[in-house]
Amino acid sequence: MEHLLPLAIGFVSLLLLPALGVAGLVKQKVTPVLSVAVFAWLLAGVWALSTGWHAGLPEARFLRLWMAGLTLGAGLLFVARLRERRKTWRWVRFVMTALTLLVFVKALMAFFDTLG
C-alpha cells in the first residue's frame, strides 16, 4: 500500500505533463477529436473482448494494453477539457507545478539513496 502513492504521483505527472504540453501547442479545441478516439477505442476493445479476438496476444496482455489506452485517453480528454475552461486552468497549472516539484524531490532523494 505504501508503494501506491509514489506510483500514482509518478503516473499522474508522467501522464499530465506531456498532455499539458501537447494541449498547449494545439490552438484549437481538441476535445471532440479526443472524445471520438477514446470512444472508438472503448468500442473496439469491447468488441474484441466479446468476440475473443486478441490480436495474437494473450488475453491478459491484451486487456492490460486496452485498459492502458483507455486510461491514457481518458486522462488526455480530462486535461483537454480542463484547458478549455479558463477558470480551472490556473489551478491545473498550480497542481502540475506542485506535482513536478514533488516528483523531482522524490527522484533526487532516490538518487542520493543510491549513492550510499
PDB file of N, CA and C in Angstrom:
ATOM      1  N   MET A   1       0.821  -1.194   0.000  1.00  0.00           N
ATOM      2  CA  MET A   1       0.000   0.000   0.000  1.00  0.00           C
ATOM      3  C   MET A   1       0.864   1.257   0.000  1.00  0.00           C
ATOM      4  N   GLU A   2       2.011   1.201   0.658  1.00  0.00           N
ATOM      5  CA  GLU A   2       2.860   2.386   0.729  1.00  0.00           C
ATOM      6  C   GLU A   2       3.513   2.708  -0.612  1.00  0.00           C
ATOM      7  N   HIS A   3       3.556   1.740  -1.521  1.00  0.00           N
ATOM      8  CA  HIS A   3       4.164   1.966  -2.826  1.00  0.00           C
ATOM      9  C   HIS A   3       3.175   2.566  -3.815  1.00  0.00           C
ATOM     10  N   LEU A   4       1.896   2.552  -3.490  1.00  0.00           N
ATOM     11  CA  LEU A   4       0.888   3.048  -4.426  1.00  0.00           C
ATOM     12  C   LEU A   4       0.933   4.561  -4.596  1.00  0.00           C
ATOM     13  N   LEU A   5       1.181   5.287  -3.521  1.00  0.00           N
ATOM     14  CA  LEU A   5       1.187   6.748  -3.623  1.00  0.00           C
ATOM     15  C   LEU A   5       2.303   7.255  -4.534  1.00  0.00           C
ATOM     16  N   PRO A   6       3.555   6.810  -4.351  1.00  0.00           N
ATOM     17  CA  PRO A   6       4.589   7.275  -5.289  1.00  0.00           C
ATOM     18  C   PRO A   6       4.313   6.856  -6.731  1.00  0.00           C
ATOM     19  N   LEU A   7       3.778   5.656  -6.907  1.00  0.00           N
ATOM     20  CA  LEU A   7       3.442   5.225  -8.262  1.00  0.00           C
ATOM     21  C   LEU A   7       2.334   6.081  -8.854  1.00  0.00           C
ATOM     22  N   ALA A   8       1.336   6.394  -8.050  1.00  0.00           N
ATOM     23  CA  ALA A   8       0.233   7.227  -8.533  1.00  0.00           C
ATOM     24  C   ALA A   8       0.720   8.626  -8.876  1.00  0.00           C
ATOM     25  N   ILE A   9       1.558   9.180  -8.043  1.00  0.00           N
ATOM     26  CA  ILE A   9       2.090  10.522  -8.305  1.00  0.00           C
ATOM     27  C   ILE A   9       2.936  10.513  -9.569  1.00  0.00           C
ATOM     28  N   GLY A  10       3.789   9.518  -9.695  1.00  0.00           N
ATOM     29  CA  GLY A  10       4.611   9.419 -10.896  1.00  0.00           C
ATOM     30  C   GLY A  10       3.781   9.230 -12.144  1.00  0.00           C
ATOM     31  N   PHE A  11       2.768   8.385 -12.059  1.00  0.00           N
ATOM     32  CA  PHE A  11       1.912   8.136 -13.213  1.00  0.00           C
ATOM     33  C   PHE A  11       1.138   9.380 -13.606  1.00  0.00           C
ATOM     34  N   VAL A  12       0.565  10.042 -12.626  1.00  0.00           N
ATOM     35  CA  VAL A  12      -0.212  11.249 -12.926  1.00  0.00           C
ATOM     36  C   VAL A  12       0.676  12.324 -13.526  1.00  0.00           C
ATOM     37  N   SER A  13       1.863  12.493 -12.969  1.00  0.00           N
ATOM     38  CA  SER A  13       2.740  13.532 -13.504  1.00  0.00           C
ATOM     39  C   SER A  13       3.244  13.171 -14.890  1.00  0.00           C
ATOM     40  N   LEU A  14       3.549  11.895 -15.106  1.00  0.00           N
ATOM     41  CA  LEU A  14       4.006  11.492 -16.426  1.00  0.00           C
ATOM     42  C   LEU A  14       2.877  11.529 -17.449  1.00  0.00           C
ATOM     43  N   LEU A  15       1.651  11.416 -16.998  1.00  0.00           N
ATOM     44  CA  LEU A  15       0.508  11.497 -17.905  1.00  0.00           C
ATOM     45  C   LEU A  15       0.133  12.948 -18.188  1.00  0.00           C
ATOM     46  N   LEU A  16       0.063  13.752 -17.155  1.00  0.00           N
ATOM     47  CA  LEU A  16      -0.442  15.112 -17.330  1.00  0.00           C
ATOM     48  C   LEU A  16       0.572  16.073 -17.937  1.00  0.00           C
ATOM     49  N   LEU A  17       1.839  15.906 -17.603  1.00  0.00           N
ATOM     50  CA  LEU A  17       2.828  16.834 -18.149  1.00  0.00           C
ATOM     51  C   LEU A  17       2.888  16.790 -19.678  1.00  0.00           C
ATOM     52  N   PRO A  18       3.017  15.614 -20.284  1.00  0.00           N
ATOM     53  CA  PRO A  18       3.005  15.618 -21.753  1.00  0.00           C
ATOM     54  C   PRO A  18       1.665  16.083 -22.321  1.00  0.00           C
ATOM     55  N   ALA A  19       0.587  15.733 -21.657  1.00  0.00           N
ATOM     56  CA  ALA A  19      -0.728  16.143 -22.146  1.00  0.00           C
ATOM     57  C   ALA A  19      -0.866  17.660 -22.113  1.00  0.00           C
ATOM     58  N   LEU A  20      -0.363  18.277 -21.069  1.00  0.00           N
ATOM     59  CA  LEU A  20      -0.419  19.737 -20.999  1.00  0.00           C
ATOM     60  C   LEU A  20       0.437  20.359 -22.087  1.00  0.00           C
ATOM     61  N   GLY A  21       1.580  19.759 -22.345  1.00  0.00           N
ATOM     62  CA  GLY A  21       2.439  20.271 -23.403  1.00  0.00           C
ATOM     63  C   GLY A  21       1.786  20.167 -24.766  1.00  0.00           C
ATOM     64  N   VAL A  22       1.177  19.032 -25.040  1.00  0.00           N
ATOM     65  CA  VAL A  22       0.505  18.839 -26.324  1.00  0.00           C
ATOM     66  C   VAL A  22      -0.696  19.770 -26.434  1.00  0.00           C
ATOM     67  N   ALA A  23      -1.476  19.870 -25.382  1.00  0.00           N
ATOM     68  CA  ALA A  23      -2.649  20.744 -25.414  1.00  0.00           C
ATOM     69  C   ALA A  23      -2.237  22.201 -25.569  1.00  0.00           C
ATOM     70  N   GLY A  24      -1.086  22.562 -25.020  1.00  0.00           N
ATOM     71  CA  GLY A  24      -0.607  23.932 -25.153  1.00  0.00           C
ATOM     72  C   GLY A  24      -0.175  24.270 -26.572  1.00  0.00           C
ATOM     73  N   LEU A  25       0.289  23.267 -27.307  1.00  0.00           N
ATOM     74  CA  LEU A  25       0.730  23.507 -28.673  1.00  0.00           C
ATOM     75  C   LEU A  25      -0.440  23.632 -29.646  1.00  0.00           C
ATOM     76  N   VAL A  26      -1.531  22.987 -29.325  1.00  0.00           N
ATOM     77  CA  VAL A  26      -2.686  22.990 -30.219  1.00  0.00           C
ATOM     78  C   VAL A  26      -3.556  24.199 -29.883  1.00  0.00           C
ATOM     79  N   LYS A  27      -3.800  25.031 -30.873  1.00  0.00           N
ATOM     80  CA  LYS A  27      -4.568  26.252 -30.629  1.00  0.00           C
ATOM     81  C   LYS A  27      -6.075  26.044 -30.734  1.00  0.00           C
ATOM     82  N   GLN A  28      -6.504  24.938 -31.336  1.00  0.00           N
ATOM     83  CA  GLN A  28      -7.931  24.708 -31.449  1.00  0.00           C
ATOM     84  C   GLN A  28      -8.372  23.690 -30.401  1.00  0.00           C
ATOM     85  N   LYS A  29      -9.666  23.555 -30.255  1.00  0.00           N
ATOM     86  CA  LYS A  29     -10.203  22.615 -29.274  1.00  0.00           C
ATOM     87  C   LYS A  29      -9.900  21.190 -29.716  1.00  0.00           C
ATOM     88  N   VAL A  30      -9.377  20.388 -28.788  1.00  0.00           N
ATOM     89  CA  VAL A  30      -9.039  19.001 -29.099  1.00  0.00           C
ATOM     90  C   VAL A  30     -10.041  18.027 -28.487  1.00  0.00           C
ATOM     91  N   THR A  31     -10.981  18.535 -27.717  1.00  0.00           N
ATOM     92  CA  THR A  31     -11.935  17.659 -27.040  1.00  0.00           C
ATOM     93  C   THR A  31     -12.757  16.803 -28.008  1.00  0.00           C
ATOM     94  N   PRO A  32     -13.293  17.340 -29.108  1.00  0.00           N
ATOM     95  CA  PRO A  32     -14.077  16.475 -29.995  1.00  0.00           C
ATOM     96  C   PRO A  32     -13.263  15.322 -30.582  1.00  0.00           C
ATOM     97  N   VAL A  33     -12.032  15.595 -30.981  1.00  0.00           N
ATOM     98  CA  VAL A  33     -11.186  14.551 -31.562  1.00  0.00           C
ATOM     99  C   VAL A  33     -10.841  13.504 -30.509  1.00  0.00           C
ATOM    100  N   LEU A  34     -10.474  13.946 -29.334  1.00  0.00           N
ATOM    101  CA  LEU A  34     -10.138  13.004 -28.267  1.00  0.00           C
ATOM    102  C   LEU A  34     -11.361  12.200 -27.840  1.00  0.00           C
ATOM    103  N   SER A  35     -12.512  12.823 -27.804  1.00  0.00           N
ATOM    104  CA  SER A  35     -13.729  12.107 -27.423  1.00  0.00           C
ATOM    105  C   SER A  35     -14.023  10.977 -28.403  1.00  0.00           C
ATOM    106  N   VAL A  36     -13.917  11.265 -29.683  1.00  0.00           N
ATOM    107  CA  VAL A  36     -14.163  10.246 -30.697  1.00  0.00           C
ATOM    108  C   VAL A  36     -13.125   9.130 -30.591  1.00  0.00           C
ATOM    109  N   ALA A  37     -11.859   9.494 -30.397  1.00  0.00           N
ATOM    110  CA  ALA A  37     -10.800   8.491 -30.312  1.00  0.00           C
ATOM    111  C   ALA A  37     -10.988   7.577 -29.103  1.00  0.00           C
ATOM    112  N   VAL A  38     -11.297   8.147 -27.948  1.00  0.00           N
ATOM    113  CA  VAL A  38     -11.484   7.342 -26.739  1.00  0.00           C
ATOM    114  C   VAL A  38     -12.717   6.455 -26.880  1.00  0.00           C
ATOM    115  N   PHE A  39     -13.780   6.991 -27.441  1.00  0.00           N
ATOM    116  CA  PHE A  39     -14.989   6.197 -27.620  1.00  0.00           C
ATOM    117  C   PHE A  39     -14.755   5.054 -28.609  1.00  0.00           C
ATOM    118  N   ALA A  40     -14.027   5.331 -29.693  1.00  0.00           N
ATOM    119  CA  ALA A  40     -13.711   4.281 -30.664  1.00  0.00           C
ATOM    120  C   ALA A  40     -12.843   3.202 -30.034  1.00  0.00           C
ATOM    121  N   TRP A  41     -11.865   3.604 -29.210  1.00  0.00           N
ATOM    122  CA  TRP A  41     -11.004   2.645 -28.513  1.00  0.00           C
ATOM    123  C   TRP A  41     -11.833   1.783 -27.563  1.00  0.00           C
ATOM    124  N   LEU A  42     -12.769   2.403 -26.880  1.00  0.00           N
ATOM    125  CA  LEU A  42     -13.639   1.676 -25.963  1.00  0.00           C
ATOM    126  C   LEU A  42     -14.477   0.649 -26.728  1.00  0.00           C
ATOM    127  N   LEU A  43     -15.116   1.076 -27.806  1.00  0.00           N
ATOM    128  CA  LEU A  43     -15.948   0.159 -28.590  1.00  0.00           C
ATOM    129  C   LEU A  43     -15.131  -0.969 -29.215  1.00  0.00           C
ATOM    130  N   ALA A  44     -13.953  -0.643 -29.730  1.00  0.00           N
ATOM    131  CA  ALA A  44     -13.100  -1.662 -30.339  1.00  0.00           C
ATOM    132  C   ALA A  44     -12.672  -2.698 -29.306  1.00  0.00           C
ATOM    133  N   GLY A  45     -12.333  -2.248 -28.112  1.00  0.00           N
ATOM    134  CA  GLY A  45     -11.932  -3.174 -27.058  1.00  0.00           C
ATOM    135  C   GLY A  45     -13.074  -4.045 -26.580  1.00  0.00           C
ATOM    136  N   VAL A  46     -14.250  -3.453 -26.444  1.00  0.00           N
ATOM    137  CA  VAL A  46     -15.421  -4.241 -26.034  1.00  0.00           C
ATOM    138  C   VAL A  46     -15.738  -5.287 -27.097  1.00  0.00           C
ATOM    139  N   TRP A  47     -15.681  -4.882 -28.364  1.00  0.00           N
ATOM    140  CA  TRP A  47     -15.931  -5.830 -29.447  1.00  0.00           C
ATOM    141  C   TRP A  47     -14.897  -6.956 -29.438  1.00  0.00           C
ATOM    142  N   ALA A  48     -13.618  -6.597 -29.295  1.00  0.00           N
ATOM    143  CA  ALA A  48     -12.551  -7.606 -29.307  1.00  0.00           C
ATOM    144  C   ALA A  48     -12.702  -8.577 -28.147  1.00  0.00           C
ATOM    145  N   LEU A  49     -13.029  -8.075 -26.985  1.00  0.00           N
ATOM    146  CA  LEU A  49     -13.180  -8.954 -25.826  1.00  0.00           C
ATOM    147  C   LEU A  49     -14.424  -9.830 -25.944  1.00  0.00           C
ATOM    148  N   SER A  50     -15.482  -9.291 -26.528  1.00  0.00           N
ATOM    149  CA  SER A  50     -16.711 -10.087 -26.641  1.00  0.00           C
ATOM    150  C   SER A  50     -16.604 -11.167 -27.717  1.00  0.00           C
ATOM    151  N   THR A  51     -15.795 -10.941 -28.737  1.00  0.00           N
ATOM    152  CA  THR A  51     -15.640 -11.935 -29.802  1.00  0.00           C
ATOM    153  C   THR A  51     -14.467 -12.877 -29.556  1.00  0.00           C
ATOM    154  N   GLY A  52     -13.611 -12.549 -28.592  1.00  0.00           N
ATOM    155  CA  GLY A  52     -12.456 -13.400 -28.301  1.00  0.00           C
ATOM    156  C   GLY A  52     -11.244 -13.109 -29.169  1.00  0.00           C
ATOM    157  N   TRP A  53     -11.288 -12.032 -29.950  1.00  0.00           N
ATOM    158  CA  TRP A  53     -10.147 -11.649 -30.784  1.00  0.00           C
ATOM    159  C   TRP A  53      -9.190 -10.818 -29.953  1.00  0.00           C
ATOM    160  N   HIS A  54      -7.922 -11.232 -29.880  1.00  0.00           N
ATOM    161  CA  HIS A  54      -6.952 -10.541 -29.032  1.00  0.00           C
ATOM    162  C   HIS A  54      -5.705 -10.124 -29.798  1.00  0.00           C
ATOM    163  N   ALA A  55      -5.800 -10.020 -31.095  1.00  0.00           N
ATOM    164  CA  ALA A  55      -4.688  -9.552 -31.943  1.00  0.00           C
ATOM    165  C   ALA A  55      -3.444 -10.410 -31.774  1.00  0.00           C
ATOM    166  N   GLY A  56      -3.625 -11.691 -31.517  1.00  0.00           N
ATOM    167  CA  GLY A  56      -2.487 -12.589 -31.364  1.00  0.00           C
ATOM    168  C   GLY A  56      -1.778 -12.478 -30.027  1.00  0.00           C
ATOM    169  N   LEU A  57      -2.339 -11.747 -29.108  1.00  0.00           N
ATOM    170  CA  LEU A  57      -1.745 -11.590 -27.772  1.00  0.00           C
ATOM    171  C   LEU A  57      -2.505 -12.448 -26.774  1.00  0.00           C
ATOM    172  N   PRO A  58      -1.857 -12.796 -25.663  1.00  0.00           N
ATOM    173  CA  PRO A  58      -2.619 -13.437 -24.588  1.00  0.00           C
ATOM    174  C   PRO A  58      -3.713 -12.478 -24.095  1.00  0.00           C
ATOM    175  N   GLU A  59      -4.808 -13.041 -23.649  1.00  0.00           N
ATOM    176  CA  GLU A  59      -5.952 -12.209 -23.259  1.00  0.00           C
ATOM    177  C   GLU A  59      -5.594 -11.217 -22.158  1.00  0.00           C
ATOM    178  N   ALA A  60      -4.803 -11.648 -21.182  1.00  0.00           N
ATOM    179  CA  ALA A  60      -4.434 -10.757 -20.075  1.00  0.00           C
ATOM    180  C   ALA A  60      -3.618  -9.565 -20.575  1.00  0.00           C
ATOM    181  N   ARG A  61      -2.686  -9.825 -21.489  1.00  0.00           N
ATOM    182  CA  ARG A  61      -1.877  -8.723 -22.010  1.00  0.00           C
ATOM    183  C   ARG A  61      -2.725  -7.775 -22.859  1.00  0.00           C
ATOM    184  N   PHE A  62      -3.610  -8.330 -23.683  1.00  0.00           N
ATOM    185  CA  PHE A  62      -4.500  -7.503 -24.487  1.00  0.00           C
ATOM    186  C   PHE A  62      -5.354  -6.617 -23.584  1.00  0.00           C
ATOM    187  N   LEU A  63      -5.874  -7.207 -22.514  1.00  0.00           N
ATOM    188  CA  LEU A  63      -6.712  -6.442 -21.586  1.00  0.00           C
ATOM    189  C   LEU A  63      -5.915  -5.319 -20.932  1.00  0.00           C
ATOM    190  N   ARG A  64      -4.672  -5.600 -20.534  1.00  0.00           N
ATOM    191  CA  ARG A  64      -3.828  -4.554 -19.928  1.00  0.00           C
ATOM    192  C   ARG A  64      -3.560  -3.421 -20.912  1.00  0.00           C
ATOM    193  N   LEU A  65      -3.235  -3.782 -22.151  1.00  0.00           N
ATOM    194  CA  LEU A  65      -2.967  -2.750 -23.154  1.00  0.00           C
ATOM    195  C   LEU A  65      -4.221  -1.928 -23.460  1.00  0.00           C
ATOM    196  N   TRP A  66      -5.347  -2.593 -23.552  1.00  0.00           N
ATOM    197  CA  TRP A  66      -6.593  -1.893 -23.809  1.00  0.00           C
ATOM    198  C   TRP A  66      -6.930  -0.939 -22.661  1.00  0.00           C
ATOM    199  N   MET A  67      -6.779  -1.418 -21.439  1.00  0.00           N
ATOM    200  CA  MET A  67      -7.061  -0.566 -20.270  1.00  0.00           C
ATOM    201  C   MET A  67      -6.068   0.591 -20.180  1.00  0.00           C
ATOM    202  N   ALA A  68      -4.805   0.352 -20.517  1.00  0.00           N
ATOM    203  CA  ALA A  68      -3.821   1.440 -20.520  1.00  0.00           C
ATOM    204  C   ALA A  68      -4.214   2.501 -21.545  1.00  0.00           C
ATOM    205  N   GLY A  69      -4.660   2.067 -22.702  1.00  0.00           N
ATOM    206  CA  GLY A  69      -5.110   3.028 -23.716  1.00  0.00           C
ATOM    207  C   GLY A  69      -6.316   3.821 -23.260  1.00  0.00           C
ATOM    208  N   LEU A  70      -7.267   3.144 -22.618  1.00  0.00           N
ATOM    209  CA  LEU A  70      -8.437   3.854 -22.090  1.00  0.00           C
ATOM    210  C   LEU A  70      -8.035   4.860 -21.020  1.00  0.00           C
ATOM    211  N   THR A  71      -7.127   4.453 -20.149  1.00  0.00           N
ATOM    212  CA  THR A  71      -6.679   5.346 -19.077  1.00  0.00           C
ATOM    213  C   THR A  71      -5.967   6.565 -19.642  1.00  0.00           C
ATOM    214  N   LEU A  72      -5.054   6.338 -20.568  1.00  0.00           N
ATOM    215  CA  LEU A  72      -4.343   7.465 -21.170  1.00  0.00           C
ATOM    216  C   LEU A  72      -5.293   8.372 -21.944  1.00  0.00           C
ATOM    217  N   GLY A  73      -6.191   7.774 -22.708  1.00  0.00           N
ATOM    218  CA  GLY A  73      -7.148   8.576 -23.468  1.00  0.00           C
ATOM    219  C   GLY A  73      -8.057   9.392 -22.569  1.00  0.00           C
ATOM    220  N   ALA A  74      -8.541   8.773 -21.501  1.00  0.00           N
ATOM    221  CA  ALA A  74      -9.403   9.499 -20.563  1.00  0.00           C
ATOM    222  C   ALA A  74      -8.625  10.620 -19.881  1.00  0.00           C
ATOM    223  N   GLY A  75      -7.369  10.358 -19.535  1.00  0.00           N
ATOM    224  CA  GLY A  75      -6.539  11.403 -18.924  1.00  0.00           C
ATOM    225  C   GLY A  75      -6.309  12.571 -19.866  1.00  0.00           C
ATOM    226  N   LEU A  76      -5.995  12.257 -21.129  1.00  0.00           N
ATOM    227  CA  LEU A  76      -5.809  13.318 -22.117  1.00  0.00           C
ATOM    228  C   LEU A  76      -7.095  14.109 -22.343  1.00  0.00           C
ATOM    229  N   LEU A  77      -8.211  13.409 -22.377  1.00  0.00           N
ATOM    230  CA  LEU A  77      -9.501  14.076 -22.552  1.00  0.00           C
ATOM    231  C   LEU A  77      -9.817  14.983 -21.361  1.00  0.00           C
ATOM    232  N   PHE A  78      -9.524  14.495 -20.165  1.00  0.00           N
ATOM    233  CA  PHE A  78      -9.751  15.290 -18.960  1.00  0.00           C
ATOM    234  C   PHE A  78      -8.920  16.568 -18.981  1.00  0.00           C
ATOM    235  N   VAL A  79      -7.653  16.455 -19.343  1.00  0.00           N
ATOM    236  CA  VAL A  79      -6.775  17.629 -19.389  1.00  0.00           C
ATOM    237  C   VAL A  79      -7.245  18.602 -20.470  1.00  0.00           C
ATOM    238  N   ALA A  80      -7.655  18.086 -21.612  1.00  0.00           N
ATOM    239  CA  ALA A  80      -8.138  18.967 -22.685  1.00  0.00           C
ATOM    240  C   ALA A  80      -9.385  19.728 -22.245  1.00  0.00           C
ATOM    241  N   ARG A  81     -10.279  19.038 -21.546  1.00  0.00           N
ATOM    242  CA  ARG A  81     -11.494  19.722 -21.067  1.00  0.00           C
ATOM    243  C   ARG A  81     -11.150  20.783 -20.025  1.00  0.00           C
ATOM    244  N   LEU A  82     -10.197  20.479 -19.146  1.00  0.00           N
ATOM    245  CA  LEU A  82      -9.789  21.479 -18.159  1.00  0.00           C
ATOM    246  C   LEU A  82      -9.144  22.676 -18.840  1.00  0.00           C
ATOM    247  N   ARG A  83      -8.389  22.428 -19.873  1.00  0.00           N
ATOM    248  CA  ARG A  83      -7.715  23.520 -20.584  1.00  0.00           C
ATOM    249  C   ARG A  83      -8.723  24.456 -21.238  1.00  0.00           C
ATOM    250  N   GLU A  84      -9.832  23.911 -21.681  1.00  0.00           N
ATOM    251  CA  GLU A  84     -10.839  24.743 -22.330  1.00  0.00           C
ATOM    252  C   GLU A  84     -11.606  25.607 -21.341  1.00  0.00           C
ATOM    253  N   ARG A  85     -11.555  25.260 -20.104  1.00  0.00           N
ATOM    254  CA  ARG A  85     -12.205  26.075 -19.063  1.00  0.00           C
ATOM    255  C   ARG A  85     -11.154  26.985 -18.445  1.00  0.00           C
ATOM    256  N   ARG A  86     -11.210  28.229 -18.721  1.00  0.00           N
ATOM    257  CA  ARG A  86     -10.187  29.184 -18.280  1.00  0.00           C
ATOM    258  C   ARG A  86     -10.105  29.306 -16.753  1.00  0.00           C
ATOM    259  N   LYS A  87     -11.249  29.178 -16.071  1.00  0.00           N
ATOM    260  CA  LYS A  87     -11.235  29.352 -14.609  1.00  0.00           C
ATOM    261  C   LYS A  87     -10.416  28.270 -13.921  1.00  0.00           C
ATOM    262  N   THR A  88     -10.509  27.049 -14.421  1.00  0.00           N
ATOM    263  CA  THR A  88      -9.824  25.948 -13.757  1.00  0.00           C
ATOM    264  C   THR A  88      -8.385  25.803 -14.221  1.00  0.00           C
ATOM    265  N   TRP A  89      -8.018  26.400 -15.331  1.00  0.00           N
ATOM    266  CA  TRP A  89      -6.678  26.201 -15.873  1.00  0.00           C
ATOM    267  C   TRP A  89      -5.595  26.717 -14.928  1.00  0.00           C
ATOM    268  N   ARG A  90      -5.858  27.790 -14.231  1.00  0.00           N
ATOM    269  CA  ARG A  90      -4.886  28.320 -13.276  1.00  0.00           C
ATOM    270  C   ARG A  90      -4.604  27.302 -12.181  1.00  0.00           C
ATOM    271  N   TRP A  91      -5.652  26.625 -11.698  1.00  0.00           N
ATOM    272  CA  TRP A  91      -5.474  25.607 -10.664  1.00  0.00           C
ATOM    273  C   TRP A  91      -4.752  24.383 -11.198  1.00  0.00           C
ATOM    274  N   VAL A  92      -5.008  24.038 -12.431  1.00  0.00           N
ATOM    275  CA  VAL A  92      -4.316  22.899 -13.045  1.00  0.00           C
ATOM    276  C   VAL A  92      -2.820  23.186 -13.116  1.00  0.00           C
ATOM    277  N   ARG A  93      -2.462  24.374 -13.539  1.00  0.00           N
ATOM    278  CA  ARG A  93      -1.035  24.736 -13.596  1.00  0.00           C
ATOM    279  C   ARG A  93      -0.411  24.696 -12.209  1.00  0.00           C
ATOM    280  N   PHE A  94      -1.131  25.156 -11.197  1.00  0.00           N
ATOM    281  CA  PHE A  94      -0.607  25.121  -9.831  1.00  0.00           C
ATOM    282  C   PHE A  94      -0.380  23.680  -9.366  1.00  0.00           C
ATOM    283  N   VAL A  95      -1.364  22.809  -9.595  1.00  0.00           N
ATOM    284  CA  VAL A  95      -1.240  21.403  -9.183  1.00  0.00           C
ATOM    285  C   VAL A  95      -0.110  20.733  -9.944  1.00  0.00           C
ATOM    286  N   MET A  96       0.017  21.014 -11.237  1.00  0.00           N
ATOM    287  CA  MET A  96       1.090  20.412 -12.021  1.00  0.00           C
ATOM    288  C   MET A  96       2.457  20.874 -11.542  1.00  0.00           C
ATOM    289  N   THR A  97       2.575  22.122 -11.168  1.00  0.00           N
ATOM    290  CA  THR A  97       3.835  22.616 -10.624  1.00  0.00           C
ATOM    291  C   THR A  97       4.162  21.910  -9.317  1.00  0.00           C
ATOM    292  N   ALA A  98       3.170  21.759  -8.458  1.00  0.00           N
ATOM    293  CA  ALA A  98       3.389  21.062  -7.188  1.00  0.00           C
ATOM    294  C   ALA A  98       3.770  19.601  -7.422  1.00  0.00           C
ATOM    295  N   LEU A  99       3.088  18.927  -8.337  1.00  0.00           N
ATOM    296  CA  LEU A  99       3.420  17.532  -8.643  1.00  0.00           C
ATOM    297  C   LEU A  99       4.816  17.402  -9.237  1.00  0.00           C
ATOM    298  N   THR A 100       5.185  18.341 -10.098  1.00  0.00           N
ATOM    299  CA  THR A 100       6.521  18.315 -10.685  1.00  0.00           C
ATOM    300  C   THR A 100       7.587  18.453  -9.612  1.00  0.00           C
ATOM    301  N   LEU A 101       7.382  19.379  -8.693  1.00  0.00           N
ATOM    302  CA  LEU A 101       8.339  19.548  -7.596  1.00  0.00           C
ATOM    303  C   LEU A 101       8.395  18.310  -6.714  1.00  0.00           C
ATOM    304  N   LEU A 102       7.257  17.725  -6.427  1.00  0.00           N
ATOM    305  CA  LEU A 102       7.206  16.532  -5.594  1.00  0.00           C
ATOM    306  C   LEU A 102       7.933  15.357  -6.250  1.00  0.00           C
ATOM    307  N   VAL A 103       7.694  15.147  -7.530  1.00  0.00           N
ATOM    308  CA  VAL A 103       8.364  14.060  -8.245  1.00  0.00           C
ATOM    309  C   VAL A 103       9.862  14.327  -8.331  1.00  0.00           C
ATOM    310  N   PHE A 104      10.254  15.576  -8.547  1.00  0.00           N
ATOM    311  CA  PHE A 104      11.673  15.908  -8.601  1.00  0.00           C
ATOM    312  C   PHE A 104      12.356  15.629  -7.269  1.00  0.00           C
ATOM    313  N   VAL A 105      11.728  16.040  -6.176  1.00  0.00           N
ATOM    314  CA  VAL A 105      12.307  15.804  -4.849  1.00  0.00           C
ATOM    315  C   VAL A 105      12.406  14.306  -4.576  1.00  0.00           C
ATOM    316  N   LYS A 106      11.369  13.564  -4.932  1.00  0.00           N
ATOM    317  CA  LYS A 106      11.371  12.111  -4.742  1.00  0.00           C
ATOM    318  C   LYS A 106      12.494  11.461  -5.557  1.00  0.00           C
ATOM    319  N   ALA A 107      12.671  11.879  -6.804  1.00  0.00           N
ATOM    320  CA  ALA A 107      13.727  11.325  -7.647  1.00  0.00           C
ATOM    321  C   ALA A 107      15.102  11.714  -7.118  1.00  0.00           C
ATOM    322  N   LEU A 108      15.233  12.924  -6.617  1.00  0.00           N
ATOM    323  CA  LEU A 108      16.504  13.363  -6.048  1.00  0.00           C
ATOM    324  C   LEU A 108      16.838  12.557  -4.787  1.00  0.00           C
ATOM    325  N   MET A 109      15.848  12.309  -3.950  1.00  0.00           N
ATOM    326  CA  MET A 109      16.084  11.508  -2.756  1.00  0.00           C
ATOM    327  C   MET A 109      16.465  10.073  -3.139  1.00  0.00           C
ATOM    328  N   ALA A 110      15.823   9.517  -4.146  1.00  0.00           N
ATOM    329  CA  ALA A 110      16.151   8.162  -4.601  1.00  0.00           C
ATOM    330  C   ALA A 110      17.573   8.141  -5.165  1.00  0.00           C
ATOM    331  N   PHE A 111      17.961   9.184  -5.856  1.00  0.00           N
ATOM    332  CA  PHE A 111      19.325   9.270  -6.395  1.00  0.00           C
ATOM    333  C   PHE A 111      20.345   9.296  -5.257  1.00  0.00           C
ATOM    334  N   PHE A 112      20.093  10.106  -4.239  1.00  0.00           N
ATOM    335  CA  PHE A 112      21.034  10.177  -3.118  1.00  0.00           C
ATOM    336  C   PHE A 112      21.084   8.862  -2.332  1.00  0.00           C
ATOM    337  N   ASP A 113      19.963   8.141  -2.295  1.00  0.00           N
ATOM    338  CA  ASP A 113      19.956   6.835  -1.633  1.00  0.00           C
ATOM    339  C   ASP A 113      20.843   5.840  -2.373  1.00  0.00           C
ATOM    340  N   THR A 114      20.926   5.952  -3.676  1.00  0.00           N
ATOM    341  CA  THR A 114      21.766   5.027  -4.443  1.00  0.00           C
ATOM    342  C   THR A 114      23.245   5.329  -4.266  1.00  0.00           C
ATOM    343  N   LEU A 115      23.570   6.570  -3.899  1.00  0.00           N
ATOM    344  CA  LEU A 115      24.974   6.930  -3.690  1.00  0.00           C
ATOM    345  C   LEU A 115      25.526   6.353  -2.387  1.00  0.00           C
ATOM    346  N   GLY A 116      24.666   6.077  -1.476  1.00  0.00           N
ATOM    347  CA  GLY A 116      25.187   5.436  -0.285  1.00  0.00           C
ATOM    348  C   GLY A 116      24.766   6.087   0.945  1.00  0.00           C
TER     349      GLY A 116
END
